[in-house]
């Protein structure tokens, strides 16, 4: 075997746990081209790293891909600290350190996009670009009733209906099962309640005056489903004027699951 032969990109999705993170087990998957630029995927509230699975394989030939389970989600540690944005961005910084990520392109969805925005404000040197899908944290009308009902009474089917647009109706049963599993553990359910309660107590937007996009030095793109009933797209003044905005027809709050090919096409066009 030639010792200098290039390493072939891996398209196999395999899950790993690291015990090196100070807040408990770090659950992640890593795949793709180890010599390519690193792209980190950060999921939304109540989801897990497998929410990205339809987007990963098409990107594997070019990029080193890493998807994370946030605290209180998936197979990761149940500890959500004080459930603040500062805790989550600090957790993400340590995850970068543990996984030897000097800097990366970040793809974030909903709460994960809000965490990515907080992270770029505190650790700008570690973010090469932001791809934000239905980002929380920008203000606008955040419809919380279905989330409250879900965490209060396990009404996962109603939440699944609210999350999906016309293109994602075939995902209803599997999404309901995934949501039920996410909140089945009482400890993790309390973590989800703490994250949602913190957001409501301190404001759903990163800043009451509106997010200051001038503080973001890296390239940004935004994707939004035109049938998003959980976080409808906010008023134009809350969005960056210089960033591409892609409205994904027929998608609800989960474009990366409902219209993954469209999301991948936008990522391929945007990433170097």
C-alpha atoms as a PDB file:
ATOM      1  CA  UNK A   1       0.000   0.000   0.000  1.00  0.00           C
ATOM      2  CA  UNK A   2       1.279   3.457  -0.909  1.00  0.00           C
ATOM      3  CA  UNK A   3       1.830   5.340   2.365  1.00  0.00           C
ATOM      4  CA  UNK A   4       1.424   8.623   0.531  1.00  0.00           C
ATOM      5  CA  UNK A   5      -1.884   7.785  -1.156  1.00  0.00           C
ATOM      6  CA  UNK A   6      -4.566  10.392  -0.446  1.00  0.00           C
ATOM      7  CA  UNK A   7      -7.144   9.488   2.164  1.00  0.00           C
ATOM      8  CA  UNK A   8     -10.459   8.717   0.510  1.00  0.00           C
ATOM      9  CA  UNK A   9     -13.462  10.680   1.767  1.00  0.00           C
ATOM     10  CA  UNK A  10     -15.782   8.624   3.944  1.00  0.00           C
ATOM     11  CA  UNK A  11     -19.503   8.657   3.195  1.00  0.00           C
ATOM     12  CA  UNK A  12     -20.287   6.425   6.150  1.00  0.00           C
ATOM     13  CA  UNK A  13     -22.263   8.050   8.948  1.00  0.00           C
ATOM     14  CA  UNK A  14     -20.927   6.779  12.279  1.00  0.00           C
ATOM     15  CA  UNK A  15     -21.560   8.196  15.731  1.00  0.00           C
ATOM     16  CA  UNK A  16     -18.873   8.844  18.346  1.00  0.00           C
ATOM     17  CA  UNK A  17     -18.672   9.902  21.985  1.00  0.00           C
ATOM     18  CA  UNK A  18     -15.822  11.866  23.546  1.00  0.00           C
ATOM     19  CA  UNK A  19     -15.339  11.979  27.305  1.00  0.00           C
ATOM     20  CA  UNK A  20     -12.965  14.938  27.058  1.00  0.00           C
ATOM     21  CA  UNK A  21     -15.622  17.664  27.290  1.00  0.00           C
ATOM     22  CA  UNK A  22     -15.927  19.084  30.808  1.00  0.00           C
ATOM     23  CA  UNK A  23     -19.747  19.162  30.687  1.00  0.00           C
ATOM     24  CA  UNK A  24     -20.108  15.459  30.002  1.00  0.00           C
ATOM     25  CA  UNK A  25     -20.050  13.173  26.962  1.00  0.00           C
ATOM     26  CA  UNK A  26     -19.716  14.970  23.639  1.00  0.00           C
ATOM     27  CA  UNK A  27     -21.797  13.172  21.013  1.00  0.00           C
ATOM     28  CA  UNK A  28     -20.803  13.832  17.413  1.00  0.00           C
ATOM     29  CA  UNK A  29     -20.360  12.344  13.991  1.00  0.00           C
ATOM     30  CA  UNK A  30     -17.467  13.017  11.660  1.00  0.00           C
ATOM     31  CA  UNK A  31     -17.307  12.024   8.019  1.00  0.00           C
ATOM     32  CA  UNK A  32     -16.206  13.237   4.622  1.00  0.00           C
ATOM     33  CA  UNK A  33     -12.867  14.467   3.314  1.00  0.00           C
ATOM     34  CA  UNK A  34     -10.346  14.845   6.174  1.00  0.00           C
ATOM     35  CA  UNK A  35      -8.265  17.174   3.985  1.00  0.00           C
ATOM     36  CA  UNK A  36     -11.200  19.448   3.137  1.00  0.00           C
ATOM     37  CA  UNK A  37     -12.420  22.522   4.960  1.00  0.00           C
ATOM     38  CA  UNK A  38     -14.360  21.784   8.135  1.00  0.00           C
ATOM     39  CA  UNK A  39     -18.108  22.334   8.223  1.00  0.00           C
ATOM     40  CA  UNK A  40     -19.860  22.055  11.600  1.00  0.00           C
ATOM     41  CA  UNK A  41     -23.609  21.407  11.779  1.00  0.00           C
ATOM     42  CA  UNK A  42     -25.564  22.622  14.831  1.00  0.00           C
ATOM     43  CA  UNK A  43     -29.143  21.380  15.141  1.00  0.00           C
ATOM     44  CA  UNK A  44     -32.208  23.076  16.571  1.00  0.00           C
ATOM     45  CA  UNK A  45     -34.352  22.711  19.692  1.00  0.00           C
ATOM     46  CA  UNK A  46     -35.585  19.183  20.377  1.00  0.00           C
ATOM     47  CA  UNK A  47     -33.596  17.682  17.482  1.00  0.00           C
ATOM     48  CA  UNK A  48     -30.275  15.843  17.303  1.00  0.00           C
ATOM     49  CA  UNK A  49     -27.316  15.480  14.969  1.00  0.00           C
ATOM     50  CA  UNK A  50     -29.141  12.985  12.738  1.00  0.00           C
ATOM     51  CA  UNK A  51     -31.437  15.771  11.576  1.00  0.00           C
ATOM     52  CA  UNK A  52     -28.610  16.589   9.115  1.00  0.00           C
ATOM     53  CA  UNK A  53     -28.181  13.112   7.643  1.00  0.00           C
ATOM     54  CA  UNK A  54     -29.782  13.921   4.262  1.00  0.00           C
ATOM     55  CA  UNK A  55     -27.374  16.852   3.802  1.00  0.00           C
ATOM     56  CA  UNK A  56     -24.144  15.132   4.773  1.00  0.00           C
ATOM     57  CA  UNK A  57     -23.501  12.456   2.158  1.00  0.00           C
ATOM     58  CA  UNK A  58     -23.735  14.859  -0.837  1.00  0.00           C
ATOM     59  CA  UNK A  59     -21.059  17.074   0.782  1.00  0.00           C
ATOM     60  CA  UNK A  60     -18.740  14.304   1.937  1.00  0.00           C
ATOM     61  CA  UNK A  61     -16.447  14.260  -1.098  1.00  0.00           C
ATOM     62  CA  UNK A  62     -15.349  17.844  -0.542  1.00  0.00           C
ATOM     63  CA  UNK A  63     -15.580  18.723   3.155  1.00  0.00           C
ATOM     64  CA  UNK A  64     -14.702  17.449   6.595  1.00  0.00           C
ATOM     65  CA  UNK A  65     -18.180  17.263   8.121  1.00  0.00           C
ATOM     66  CA  UNK A  66     -18.932  17.301  11.835  1.00  0.00           C
ATOM     67  CA  UNK A  67     -22.420  17.278  13.354  1.00  0.00           C
ATOM     68  CA  UNK A  68     -22.906  17.773  17.081  1.00  0.00           C
ATOM     69  CA  UNK A  69     -25.517  16.827  19.657  1.00  0.00           C
ATOM     70  CA  UNK A  70     -26.156  19.925  21.747  1.00  0.00           C
ATOM     71  CA  UNK A  71     -26.433  19.617  25.547  1.00  0.00           C
ATOM     72  CA  UNK A  72     -29.745  18.052  26.536  1.00  0.00           C
ATOM     73  CA  UNK A  73     -30.200  16.518  23.082  1.00  0.00           C
ATOM     74  CA  UNK A  74     -29.480  13.232  21.338  1.00  0.00           C
ATOM     75  CA  UNK A  75     -26.800  11.122  22.987  1.00  0.00           C
ATOM     76  CA  UNK A  76     -25.010  14.109  24.493  1.00  0.00           C
ATOM     77  CA  UNK A  77     -24.768  15.096  28.125  1.00  0.00           C
ATOM     78  CA  UNK A  78     -28.077  16.130  29.735  1.00  0.00           C
ATOM     79  CA  UNK A  79     -26.409  19.073  31.484  1.00  0.00           C
ATOM     80  CA  UNK A  80     -27.626  22.372  29.976  1.00  0.00           C
ATOM     81  CA  UNK A  81     -25.960  24.501  32.654  1.00  0.00           C
ATOM     82  CA  UNK A  82     -27.979  27.644  33.271  1.00  0.00           C
ATOM     83  CA  UNK A  83     -29.529  27.184  29.801  1.00  0.00           C
ATOM     84  CA  UNK A  84     -28.195  30.565  28.688  1.00  0.00           C
ATOM     85  CA  UNK A  85     -26.767  31.513  25.325  1.00  0.00           C
ATOM     86  CA  UNK A  86     -23.446  32.171  27.075  1.00  0.00           C
ATOM     87  CA  UNK A  87     -23.378  28.600  28.379  1.00  0.00           C
ATOM     88  CA  UNK A  88     -24.176  27.188  24.956  1.00  0.00           C
ATOM     89  CA  UNK A  89     -21.546  29.242  23.142  1.00  0.00           C
ATOM     90  CA  UNK A  90     -18.969  28.302  25.786  1.00  0.00           C
ATOM     91  CA  UNK A  91     -19.937  24.659  25.352  1.00  0.00           C
ATOM     92  CA  UNK A  92     -19.518  24.991  21.570  1.00  0.00           C
ATOM     93  CA  UNK A  93     -16.089  26.585  21.973  1.00  0.00           C
ATOM     94  CA  UNK A  94     -14.938  23.660  24.108  1.00  0.00           C
ATOM     95  CA  UNK A  95     -16.409  21.206  21.574  1.00  0.00           C
ATOM     96  CA  UNK A  96     -14.275  22.868  18.887  1.00  0.00           C
ATOM     97  CA  UNK A  97     -11.231  22.439  21.133  1.00  0.00           C
ATOM     98  CA  UNK A  98     -11.971  18.778  21.889  1.00  0.00           C
ATOM     99  CA  UNK A  99     -12.440  17.948  18.207  1.00  0.00           C
ATOM    100  CA  UNK A 100      -9.360  19.928  17.135  1.00  0.00           C
ATOM    101  CA  UNK A 101     -11.313  22.430  15.055  1.00  0.00           C
ATOM    102  CA  UNK A 102      -9.276  25.605  14.716  1.00  0.00           C
ATOM    103  CA  UNK A 103     -11.969  27.283  12.630  1.00  0.00           C
ATOM    104  CA  UNK A 104     -14.939  26.126  10.606  1.00  0.00           C
ATOM    105  CA  UNK A 105     -17.897  26.998   8.459  1.00  0.00           C
ATOM    106  CA  UNK A 106     -21.012  26.642  10.633  1.00  0.00           C
ATOM    107  CA  UNK A 107     -24.434  25.509   9.452  1.00  0.00           C
ATOM    108  CA  UNK A 108     -27.012  26.169  12.158  1.00  0.00           C
ATOM    109  CA  UNK A 109     -30.747  25.581  12.347  1.00  0.00           C
ATOM    110  CA  UNK A 110     -33.207  27.515  14.537  1.00  0.00           C
ATOM    111  CA  UNK A 111     -31.780  27.479  18.093  1.00  0.00           C
ATOM    112  CA  UNK A 112     -28.541  26.126  16.627  1.00  0.00           C
ATOM    113  CA  UNK A 113     -28.375  29.158  14.342  1.00  0.00           C
ATOM    114  CA  UNK A 114     -28.900  31.448  17.332  1.00  0.00           C
ATOM    115  CA  UNK A 115     -26.019  29.686  19.113  1.00  0.00           C
ATOM    116  CA  UNK A 116     -23.876  30.099  15.978  1.00  0.00           C
ATOM    117  CA  UNK A 117     -24.630  33.840  15.940  1.00  0.00           C
ATOM    118  CA  UNK A 118     -23.681  34.120  19.598  1.00  0.00           C
ATOM    119  CA  UNK A 119     -20.532  32.117  18.927  1.00  0.00           C
ATOM    120  CA  UNK A 120     -19.369  34.343  16.071  1.00  0.00           C
ATOM    121  CA  UNK A 121     -19.738  37.403  18.315  1.00  0.00           C
ATOM    122  CA  UNK A 122     -17.509  35.906  21.004  1.00  0.00           C
ATOM    123  CA  UNK A 123     -15.132  33.798  18.876  1.00  0.00           C
ATOM    124  CA  UNK A 124     -15.055  35.456  15.455  1.00  0.00           C
ATOM    125  CA  UNK A 125     -11.657  34.008  14.601  1.00  0.00           C
ATOM    126  CA  UNK A 126     -13.088  30.478  14.694  1.00  0.00           C
ATOM    127  CA  UNK A 127     -15.941  31.042  12.220  1.00  0.00           C
ATOM    128  CA  UNK A 128     -15.245  31.128   8.472  1.00  0.00           C
ATOM    129  CA  UNK A 129     -18.864  31.476   7.373  1.00  0.00           C
ATOM    130  CA  UNK A 130     -22.423  31.106   8.618  1.00  0.00           C
ATOM    131  CA  UNK A 131     -25.259  29.297   6.877  1.00  0.00           C
ATOM    132  CA  UNK A 132     -28.360  29.992   8.972  1.00  0.00           C
ATOM    133  CA  UNK A 133     -31.547  27.985   8.468  1.00  0.00           C
ATOM    134  CA  UNK A 134     -34.709  29.497  10.001  1.00  0.00           C
ATOM    135  CA  UNK A 135     -32.578  31.211  12.645  1.00  0.00           C
ATOM    136  CA  UNK A 136     -33.966  32.022  16.062  1.00  0.00           C
ATOM    137  CA  UNK A 137     -32.674  35.112  17.798  1.00  0.00           C
ATOM    138  CA  UNK A 138     -33.629  37.741  15.226  1.00  0.00           C
ATOM    139  CA  UNK A 139     -36.962  38.752  16.706  1.00  0.00           C
ATOM    140  CA  UNK A 140     -40.254  38.523  14.882  1.00  0.00           C
ATOM    141  CA  UNK A 141     -43.172  36.274  15.746  1.00  0.00           C
ATOM    142  CA  UNK A 142     -42.005  33.098  17.454  1.00  0.00           C
ATOM    143  CA  UNK A 143     -45.043  30.827  17.897  1.00  0.00           C
ATOM    144  CA  UNK A 144     -44.383  28.953  21.113  1.00  0.00           C
ATOM    145  CA  UNK A 145     -47.766  27.365  21.839  1.00  0.00           C
ATOM    146  CA  UNK A 146     -46.932  24.043  20.187  1.00  0.00           C
ATOM    147  CA  UNK A 147     -43.551  23.865  21.969  1.00  0.00           C
ATOM    148  CA  UNK A 148     -45.161  24.568  25.344  1.00  0.00           C
ATOM    149  CA  UNK A 149     -47.842  21.963  24.705  1.00  0.00           C
ATOM    150  CA  UNK A 150     -45.253  19.421  23.610  1.00  0.00           C
ATOM    151  CA  UNK A 151     -43.124  19.846  26.724  1.00  0.00           C
ATOM    152  CA  UNK A 152     -46.177  19.987  28.973  1.00  0.00           C
ATOM    153  CA  UNK A 153     -48.146  17.065  27.630  1.00  0.00           C
ATOM    154  CA  UNK A 154     -46.097  15.159  25.093  1.00  0.00           C
ATOM    155  CA  UNK A 155     -48.237  16.447  22.193  1.00  0.00           C
ATOM    156  CA  UNK A 156     -45.572  15.556  19.670  1.00  0.00           C
ATOM    157  CA  UNK A 157     -47.912  15.013  16.732  1.00  0.00           C
ATOM    158  CA  UNK A 158     -49.292  18.559  16.955  1.00  0.00           C
ATOM    159  CA  UNK A 159     -45.771  19.988  17.061  1.00  0.00           C
ATOM    160  CA  UNK A 160     -44.754  17.878  14.051  1.00  0.00           C
ATOM    161  CA  UNK A 161     -47.713  19.273  12.089  1.00  0.00           C
ATOM    162  CA  UNK A 162     -46.654  22.827  12.930  1.00  0.00           C
ATOM    163  CA  UNK A 163     -43.022  22.210  11.991  1.00  0.00           C
ATOM    164  CA  UNK A 164     -43.682  20.764   8.539  1.00  0.00           C
ATOM    165  CA  UNK A 165     -44.729  22.489   5.352  1.00  0.00           C
ATOM    166  CA  UNK A 166     -46.430  20.921   2.326  1.00  0.00           C
ATOM    167  CA  UNK A 167     -43.178  19.383   1.072  1.00  0.00           C
ATOM    168  CA  UNK A 168     -42.555  17.596   4.352  1.00  0.00           C
ATOM    169  CA  UNK A 169     -45.888  15.926   5.020  1.00  0.00           C
ATOM    170  CA  UNK A 170     -44.390  12.483   4.401  1.00  0.00           C
ATOM    171  CA  UNK A 171     -42.108  13.068   7.397  1.00  0.00           C
ATOM    172  CA  UNK A 172     -44.957  13.453   9.895  1.00  0.00           C
ATOM    173  CA  UNK A 173     -44.854   9.993  11.481  1.00  0.00           C
ATOM    174  CA  UNK A 174     -41.057   9.777  11.751  1.00  0.00           C
ATOM    175  CA  UNK A 175     -40.789  13.327  13.105  1.00  0.00           C
ATOM    176  CA  UNK A 176     -43.471  12.624  15.726  1.00  0.00           C
ATOM    177  CA  UNK A 177     -41.556   9.536  16.873  1.00  0.00           C
ATOM    178  CA  UNK A 178     -38.293  11.503  17.005  1.00  0.00           C
ATOM    179  CA  UNK A 179     -39.863  14.256  19.094  1.00  0.00           C
ATOM    180  CA  UNK A 180     -41.396  11.730  21.481  1.00  0.00           C
ATOM    181  CA  UNK A 181     -37.989  10.116  21.923  1.00  0.00           C
ATOM    182  CA  UNK A 182     -36.313  13.495  22.523  1.00  0.00           C
ATOM    183  CA  UNK A 183     -38.533  14.206  25.521  1.00  0.00           C
ATOM    184  CA  UNK A 184     -38.965  10.644  26.830  1.00  0.00           C
ATOM    185  CA  UNK A 185     -36.188  10.962  29.423  1.00  0.00           C
ATOM    186  CA  UNK A 186     -37.456  13.148  32.309  1.00  0.00           C
ATOM    187  CA  UNK A 187     -33.991  14.636  32.839  1.00  0.00           C
ATOM    188  CA  UNK A 188     -33.693  15.668  29.204  1.00  0.00           C
ATOM    189  CA  UNK A 189     -37.252  16.982  29.214  1.00  0.00           C
ATOM    190  CA  UNK A 190     -36.343  19.267  32.111  1.00  0.00           C
ATOM    191  CA  UNK A 191     -33.306  20.440  30.146  1.00  0.00           C
ATOM    192  CA  UNK A 192     -35.526  21.313  27.185  1.00  0.00           C
ATOM    193  CA  UNK A 193     -37.904  23.170  29.495  1.00  0.00           C
ATOM    194  CA  UNK A 194     -34.971  25.123  30.927  1.00  0.00           C
ATOM    195  CA  UNK A 195     -33.728  26.109  27.456  1.00  0.00           C
ATOM    196  CA  UNK A 196     -37.169  27.258  26.354  1.00  0.00           C
ATOM    197  CA  UNK A 197     -37.858  28.987  29.662  1.00  0.00           C
ATOM    198  CA  UNK A 198     -34.576  30.887  29.499  1.00  0.00           C
ATOM    199  CA  UNK A 199     -35.340  32.052  25.985  1.00  0.00           C
ATOM    200  CA  UNK A 200     -38.760  33.321  27.052  1.00  0.00           C
ATOM    201  CA  UNK A 201     -37.476  34.939  30.239  1.00  0.00           C
ATOM    202  CA  UNK A 202     -34.606  36.834  28.617  1.00  0.00           C
ATOM    203  CA  UNK A 203     -36.104  37.453  25.229  1.00  0.00           C
ATOM    204  CA  UNK A 204     -36.159  35.358  22.095  1.00  0.00           C
ATOM    205  CA  UNK A 205     -34.084  37.890  20.174  1.00  0.00           C
ATOM    206  CA  UNK A 206     -30.332  38.249  20.648  1.00  0.00           C
ATOM    207  CA  UNK A 207     -30.907  41.964  21.090  1.00  0.00           C
ATOM    208  CA  UNK A 208     -34.155  43.875  21.690  1.00  0.00           C
ATOM    209  CA  UNK A 209     -32.894  46.606  19.362  1.00  0.00           C
ATOM    210  CA  UNK A 210     -32.177  44.139  16.602  1.00  0.00           C
ATOM    211  CA  UNK A 211     -29.107  42.072  15.858  1.00  0.00           C
ATOM    212  CA  UNK A 212     -26.064  44.138  14.813  1.00  0.00           C
ATOM    213  CA  UNK A 213     -24.927  42.412  11.631  1.00  0.00           C
ATOM    214  CA  UNK A 214     -21.963  44.792  11.341  1.00  0.00           C
ATOM    215  CA  UNK A 215     -20.317  42.757  14.112  1.00  0.00           C
ATOM    216  CA  UNK A 216     -20.266  39.672  11.877  1.00  0.00           C
ATOM    217  CA  UNK A 217     -17.192  39.771   9.673  1.00  0.00           C
ATOM    218  CA  UNK A 218     -17.594  36.400   7.932  1.00  0.00           C
ATOM    219  CA  UNK A 219     -19.834  35.620   4.941  1.00  0.00           C
ATOM    220  CA  UNK A 220     -23.455  34.803   5.818  1.00  0.00           C
ATOM    221  CA  UNK A 221     -26.320  33.180   3.977  1.00  0.00           C
ATOM    222  CA  UNK A 222     -29.854  32.577   5.243  1.00  0.00           C
ATOM    223  CA  UNK A 223     -32.398  29.943   4.254  1.00  0.00           C
ATOM    224  CA  UNK A 224     -36.050  29.982   5.265  1.00  0.00           C
ATOM    225  CA  UNK A 225     -39.051  27.840   4.445  1.00  0.00           C
ATOM    226  CA  UNK A 226     -41.915  29.910   3.055  1.00  0.00           C
ATOM    227  CA  UNK A 227     -44.350  27.818   5.159  1.00  0.00           C
ATOM    228  CA  UNK A 228     -42.470  28.197   8.455  1.00  0.00           C
ATOM    229  CA  UNK A 229     -45.209  28.489  11.076  1.00  0.00           C
ATOM    230  CA  UNK A 230     -42.916  28.259  14.109  1.00  0.00           C
ATOM    231  CA  UNK A 231     -40.480  31.087  13.286  1.00  0.00           C
ATOM    232  CA  UNK A 232     -41.860  33.003  10.311  1.00  0.00           C
ATOM    233  CA  UNK A 233     -39.300  35.175   8.580  1.00  0.00           C
ATOM    234  CA  UNK A 234     -38.948  38.490  10.485  1.00  0.00           C
ATOM    235  CA  UNK A 235     -39.184  41.970   9.045  1.00  0.00           C
ATOM    236  CA  UNK A 236     -36.523  42.872   6.499  1.00  0.00           C
ATOM    237  CA  UNK A 237     -34.727  45.315   8.805  1.00  0.00           C
ATOM    238  CA  UNK A 238     -33.770  42.411  11.093  1.00  0.00           C
ATOM    239  CA  UNK A 239     -31.940  40.611   8.266  1.00  0.00           C
ATOM    240  CA  UNK A 240     -28.525  41.473   6.813  1.00  0.00           C
ATOM    241  CA  UNK A 241     -28.864  43.403   3.566  1.00  0.00           C
ATOM    242  CA  UNK A 242     -25.681  41.936   2.085  1.00  0.00           C
ATOM    243  CA  UNK A 243     -26.411  38.250   2.773  1.00  0.00           C
ATOM    244  CA  UNK A 244     -28.138  35.966   0.273  1.00  0.00           C
ATOM    245  CA  UNK A 245     -31.652  35.038   1.431  1.00  0.00           C
ATOM    246  CA  UNK A 246     -33.083  31.829   0.000  1.00  0.00           C
ATOM    247  CA  UNK A 247     -36.814  31.206   0.430  1.00  0.00           C
ATOM    248  CA  UNK A 248     -37.473  27.494   0.040  1.00  0.00           C
ATOM    249  CA  UNK A 249     -40.888  26.896  -1.448  1.00  0.00           C
ATOM    250  CA  UNK A 250     -43.164  24.438   0.285  1.00  0.00           C
ATOM    251  CA  UNK A 251     -40.841  23.940   3.262  1.00  0.00           C
ATOM    252  CA  UNK A 252     -41.789  24.619   6.856  1.00  0.00           C
ATOM    253  CA  UNK A 253     -39.395  25.017   9.762  1.00  0.00           C
ATOM    254  CA  UNK A 254     -37.169  22.099   8.680  1.00  0.00           C
ATOM    255  CA  UNK A 255     -35.908  22.829   5.142  1.00  0.00           C
ATOM    256  CA  UNK A 256     -32.814  20.643   5.640  1.00  0.00           C
ATOM    257  CA  UNK A 257     -35.144  17.659   6.105  1.00  0.00           C
ATOM    258  CA  UNK A 258     -38.063  18.657   3.867  1.00  0.00           C
ATOM    259  CA  UNK A 259     -36.012  19.958   0.938  1.00  0.00           C
ATOM    260  CA  UNK A 260     -32.513  18.669   1.592  1.00  0.00           C
ATOM    261  CA  UNK A 261     -31.444  18.756  -2.067  1.00  0.00           C
ATOM    262  CA  UNK A 262     -32.256  22.477  -2.234  1.00  0.00           C
ATOM    263  CA  UNK A 263     -30.366  23.173   0.994  1.00  0.00           C
ATOM    264  CA  UNK A 264     -27.357  21.179  -0.233  1.00  0.00           C
ATOM    265  CA  UNK A 265     -27.376  23.098  -3.527  1.00  0.00           C
ATOM    266  CA  UNK A 266     -27.247  26.403  -1.631  1.00  0.00           C
ATOM    267  CA  UNK A 267     -24.448  25.100   0.599  1.00  0.00           C
ATOM    268  CA  UNK A 268     -22.398  23.937  -2.382  1.00  0.00           C
ATOM    269  CA  UNK A 269     -22.810  27.305  -4.044  1.00  0.00           C
ATOM    270  CA  UNK A 270     -21.884  29.220  -0.895  1.00  0.00           C
ATOM    271  CA  UNK A 271     -19.061  27.186   0.647  1.00  0.00           C
ATOM    272  CA  UNK A 272     -15.557  27.433  -0.855  1.00  0.00           C
END
